[in-house]
Amino acid sequence: MEKEAGPASLARSAVAARGLADRIEIRIGDGLSPLRPKEAEIIVIAGLGGEKITAILAADIEIARTAHRLILQPMNRAAPLRRWLVENGWQIEAENLVAERQKLYPVIAATLGTSERMDWLEEELGPCLLASQHPLLEELIKRLTLRYEKAFAGLSKAPHAGTAARRKELARRLAELRALLQKRTPLL
């Protein structure tokens, strides 16, 4: 699916160049709307932010629910996407982390099913990535720690109503992240 004719034309050219035109159909439309229910066994949405992926799934949730599996690769904001999946009847069954050009991108596989609510660490880092102790997990934790440290420092410079509670929450999360890193780092 491509939203505009230009990108759809480029995608058709790429598919044809790889000799896959008989196996891949390019459609123009917004989100999942060009699909009919039960037409896709697996839906892949990649290269968008987590909130945009969530909006696409939510807009055509009945079409999404007819697929056997979702493969999602958010460029950012994976935590709200994971939370939405669990709250809307999907179970995260597998995850991977991919490093490209100094960035880390999660890949999430989800199927219909019930899951327990995740805590904030599972939402941020991925329940399967945490459980599997993925080789890039430590780097992901370090990056998340840095992001929380910057947010904490920014709140210190802008004291106003509500800042104290947010600072307290960030301090708690930073402590958990640092403890998680410490457990992962063997003593020399």
Protein backbone atom coordinates (compact mmCIF):
# COMPACT_ATOMS: atom_id res chain seq x y z
CA MET A 1 0.00 0.00 0.00
CA GLU A 2 1.20 3.46 -0.84
CA LYS A 3 -0.73 6.59 -0.06
CA GLU A 4 0.38 8.50 -3.18
CA ALA A 5 0.80 7.61 -6.87
CA GLY A 6 4.49 8.64 -6.98
CA PRO A 7 5.70 6.28 -4.24
CA ALA A 8 3.42 3.55 -5.65
CA SER A 9 5.12 3.91 -9.04
CA LEU A 10 8.55 3.63 -7.42
CA ALA A 11 7.43 0.54 -5.51
CA ARG A 12 6.10 -1.06 -8.71
CA SER A 13 9.45 -0.40 -10.41
CA ALA A 14 11.36 -1.95 -7.48
CA VAL A 15 9.08 -5.01 -7.48
CA ALA A 16 9.44 -5.43 -11.27
CA ALA A 17 13.22 -5.01 -11.10
CA ARG A 18 13.37 -7.95 -8.69
CA GLY A 19 11.11 -10.11 -10.86
CA LEU A 20 8.33 -10.20 -8.27
CA ALA A 21 5.51 -8.46 -10.16
CA ASP A 22 3.58 -11.73 -10.36
CA ARG A 23 3.72 -12.09 -6.54
CA ILE A 24 3.45 -8.55 -5.19
CA GLU A 25 0.63 -6.14 -5.94
CA ILE A 26 1.05 -2.43 -5.21
CA ARG A 27 -2.14 -0.57 -4.29
CA ILE A 28 -2.79 3.11 -3.72
CA GLY A 29 -4.73 4.01 -0.61
CA ASP A 30 -4.51 5.14 2.97
CA GLY A 31 -3.49 2.61 5.60
CA LEU A 32 -5.26 -0.74 5.39
CA SER A 33 -8.33 0.62 3.57
CA PRO A 34 -7.34 -0.90 0.18
CA LEU A 35 -7.53 -4.38 1.76
CA ARG A 36 -10.64 -6.47 2.06
CA PRO A 37 -11.21 -8.53 5.24
CA LYS A 38 -9.32 -11.85 5.21
CA GLU A 39 -7.34 -10.81 2.14
CA ALA A 40 -4.00 -10.67 3.95
CA GLU A 41 -2.64 -13.40 6.20
CA ILE A 42 0.24 -11.23 7.37
CA ILE A 43 0.21 -7.44 7.52
CA VAL A 44 3.57 -5.69 7.57
CA ILE A 45 3.76 -2.01 8.49
CA ALA A 46 7.30 -0.68 8.57
CA GLY A 47 9.20 2.56 8.48
CA LEU A 48 6.62 4.72 10.24
CA GLY A 49 6.42 6.01 13.79
CA GLY A 50 4.69 3.89 16.41
CA GLU A 51 1.83 6.36 16.74
CA LYS A 52 1.20 6.37 12.97
CA ILE A 53 1.23 2.55 12.89
CA THR A 54 -1.25 2.56 15.80
CA ALA A 55 -3.51 5.00 13.93
CA ILE A 56 -3.43 2.83 10.78
CA LEU A 57 -4.37 -0.29 12.75
CA ALA A 58 -7.06 1.50 14.76
CA ALA A 59 -8.65 3.04 11.65
CA ASP A 60 -9.18 -0.39 10.07
CA ILE A 61 -9.13 -2.64 13.12
CA GLU A 62 -11.62 -5.13 11.67
CA ILE A 63 -9.40 -5.69 8.61
CA ALA A 64 -6.34 -6.01 10.83
CA ARG A 65 -8.09 -8.58 13.02
CA THR A 66 -8.65 -10.87 10.03
CA ALA A 67 -4.89 -11.25 9.49
CA HIS A 68 -3.07 -14.10 11.21
CA ARG A 69 -0.09 -11.96 12.16
CA LEU A 70 1.11 -8.38 12.28
CA ILE A 71 4.76 -7.54 11.67
CA LEU A 72 5.42 -3.99 12.80
CA GLN A 73 8.63 -1.98 12.61
CA PRO A 74 8.20 1.41 14.26
CA MET A 75 10.92 3.99 13.66
CA ASN A 76 10.16 5.53 17.08
CA ARG A 77 7.58 5.48 19.88
CA ALA A 78 7.36 1.69 20.14
CA ALA A 79 6.03 1.83 23.72
CA PRO A 80 2.61 3.32 22.85
CA LEU A 81 2.31 0.83 19.97
CA ARG A 82 3.03 -2.13 22.27
CA ARG A 83 0.53 -0.82 24.82
CA TRP A 84 -2.15 -0.35 22.13
CA LEU A 85 -1.60 -3.87 20.79
CA VAL A 86 -2.10 -5.47 24.21
CA GLU A 87 -5.09 -3.24 25.04
CA ASN A 88 -6.74 -4.14 21.72
CA GLY A 89 -6.50 -7.91 21.73
CA TRP A 90 -3.07 -8.70 20.33
CA GLN A 91 -0.34 -10.71 21.93
CA ILE A 92 3.27 -9.79 21.24
CA GLU A 93 4.77 -13.17 20.37
CA ALA A 94 8.23 -12.20 19.13
CA GLU A 95 10.50 -9.19 18.83
CA ASN A 96 13.84 -8.37 17.35
CA LEU A 97 16.13 -5.35 17.34
CA VAL A 98 17.88 -4.20 14.20
CA ALA A 99 20.81 -1.79 14.20
CA GLU A 100 21.18 0.48 11.20
CA ARG A 101 23.26 3.64 10.91
CA GLN A 102 23.67 4.16 14.65
CA LYS A 103 19.95 3.62 15.29
CA LEU A 104 18.06 0.71 16.84
CA TYR A 105 14.72 -0.33 15.40
CA PRO A 106 12.37 -2.86 17.01
CA VAL A 107 10.49 -5.40 14.90
CA ILE A 108 7.35 -6.68 16.61
CA ALA A 109 5.35 -9.77 15.64
CA ALA A 110 1.84 -9.91 17.09
CA THR A 111 -1.08 -12.31 16.81
CA LEU A 112 -4.61 -12.10 18.13
CA GLY A 113 -4.74 -13.20 21.74
CA THR A 114 -4.86 -11.92 25.26
CA SER A 115 -1.84 -10.69 27.16
CA GLU A 116 -1.30 -9.35 30.61
CA ARG A 117 -0.73 -5.63 30.87
CA MET A 118 2.90 -4.70 30.57
CA ASP A 119 4.80 -2.59 33.03
CA TRP A 120 6.57 0.52 31.74
CA LEU A 121 9.87 -1.33 31.18
CA GLU A 122 8.18 -3.97 29.03
CA GLU A 123 6.41 -1.27 27.04
CA GLU A 124 9.63 0.67 26.48
CA LEU A 125 12.05 -2.21 25.93
CA GLY A 126 9.76 -4.95 24.67
CA PRO A 127 8.64 -7.95 26.72
CA CYS A 128 10.21 -10.48 24.34
CA LEU A 129 13.47 -8.53 24.08
CA LEU A 130 13.71 -8.43 27.88
CA ALA A 131 12.88 -12.12 28.23
CA SER A 132 15.36 -13.20 25.55
CA GLN A 133 18.15 -10.88 26.73
CA HIS A 134 18.63 -9.78 23.11
CA PRO A 135 22.29 -8.94 22.25
CA LEU A 136 21.36 -5.29 21.54
CA LEU A 137 19.22 -4.91 24.67
CA GLU A 138 22.01 -3.34 26.74
CA GLU A 139 22.52 -0.66 24.09
CA LEU A 140 18.77 -0.01 24.00
CA ILE A 141 18.72 0.36 27.80
CA LYS A 142 21.64 2.82 27.66
CA ARG A 143 19.88 4.92 25.02
CA LEU A 144 16.64 4.94 26.98
CA THR A 145 18.54 5.94 30.13
CA LEU A 146 20.12 8.85 28.26
CA ARG A 147 16.72 9.96 26.98
CA TYR A 148 15.26 9.89 30.50
CA GLU A 149 18.29 11.77 31.88
CA LYS A 150 17.80 14.53 29.31
CA ALA A 151 14.10 14.76 30.15
CA PHE A 152 14.92 14.89 33.86
CA ALA A 153 17.48 17.67 33.30
CA GLY A 154 15.00 19.61 31.21
CA LEU A 155 12.39 19.46 33.96
CA SER A 156 14.96 20.77 36.43
CA LYS A 157 15.28 23.94 34.34
CA ALA A 158 11.53 24.54 34.04
CA PRO A 159 9.90 24.26 37.47
CA HIS A 160 6.14 24.71 37.25
CA ALA A 161 2.96 22.97 38.32
CA GLY A 162 3.17 19.23 37.78
CA THR A 163 6.94 19.21 37.36
CA ALA A 164 7.65 17.72 40.79
CA ALA A 165 5.50 14.64 40.16
CA ARG A 166 7.00 14.12 36.70
CA ARG A 167 10.54 14.51 38.08
CA LYS A 168 9.79 11.97 40.80
CA GLU A 169 8.47 9.49 38.20
CA LEU A 170 11.50 10.03 35.94
CA ALA A 171 13.87 9.57 38.90
CA ARG A 172 12.14 6.27 39.75
CA ARG A 173 12.40 5.06 36.16
CA LEU A 174 16.05 6.13 35.92
CA ALA A 175 16.82 4.16 39.07
CA GLU A 176 15.17 1.04 37.56
CA LEU A 177 17.06 1.45 34.29
CA ARG A 178 20.39 1.90 36.08
CA ALA A 179 19.70 -1.16 38.24
CA LEU A 180 18.86 -3.16 35.11
CA LEU A 181 22.13 -2.05 33.49
CA GLN A 182 24.08 -2.89 36.64
CA LYS A 183 22.63 -6.44 36.65
CA ARG A 184 23.70 -6.88 33.05
CA THR A 185 27.26 -5.62 33.57
CA PRO A 186 29.50 -8.30 35.07
CA LEU A 187 31.90 -7.19 37.77
CA LEU A 188 35.55 -7.30 36.71
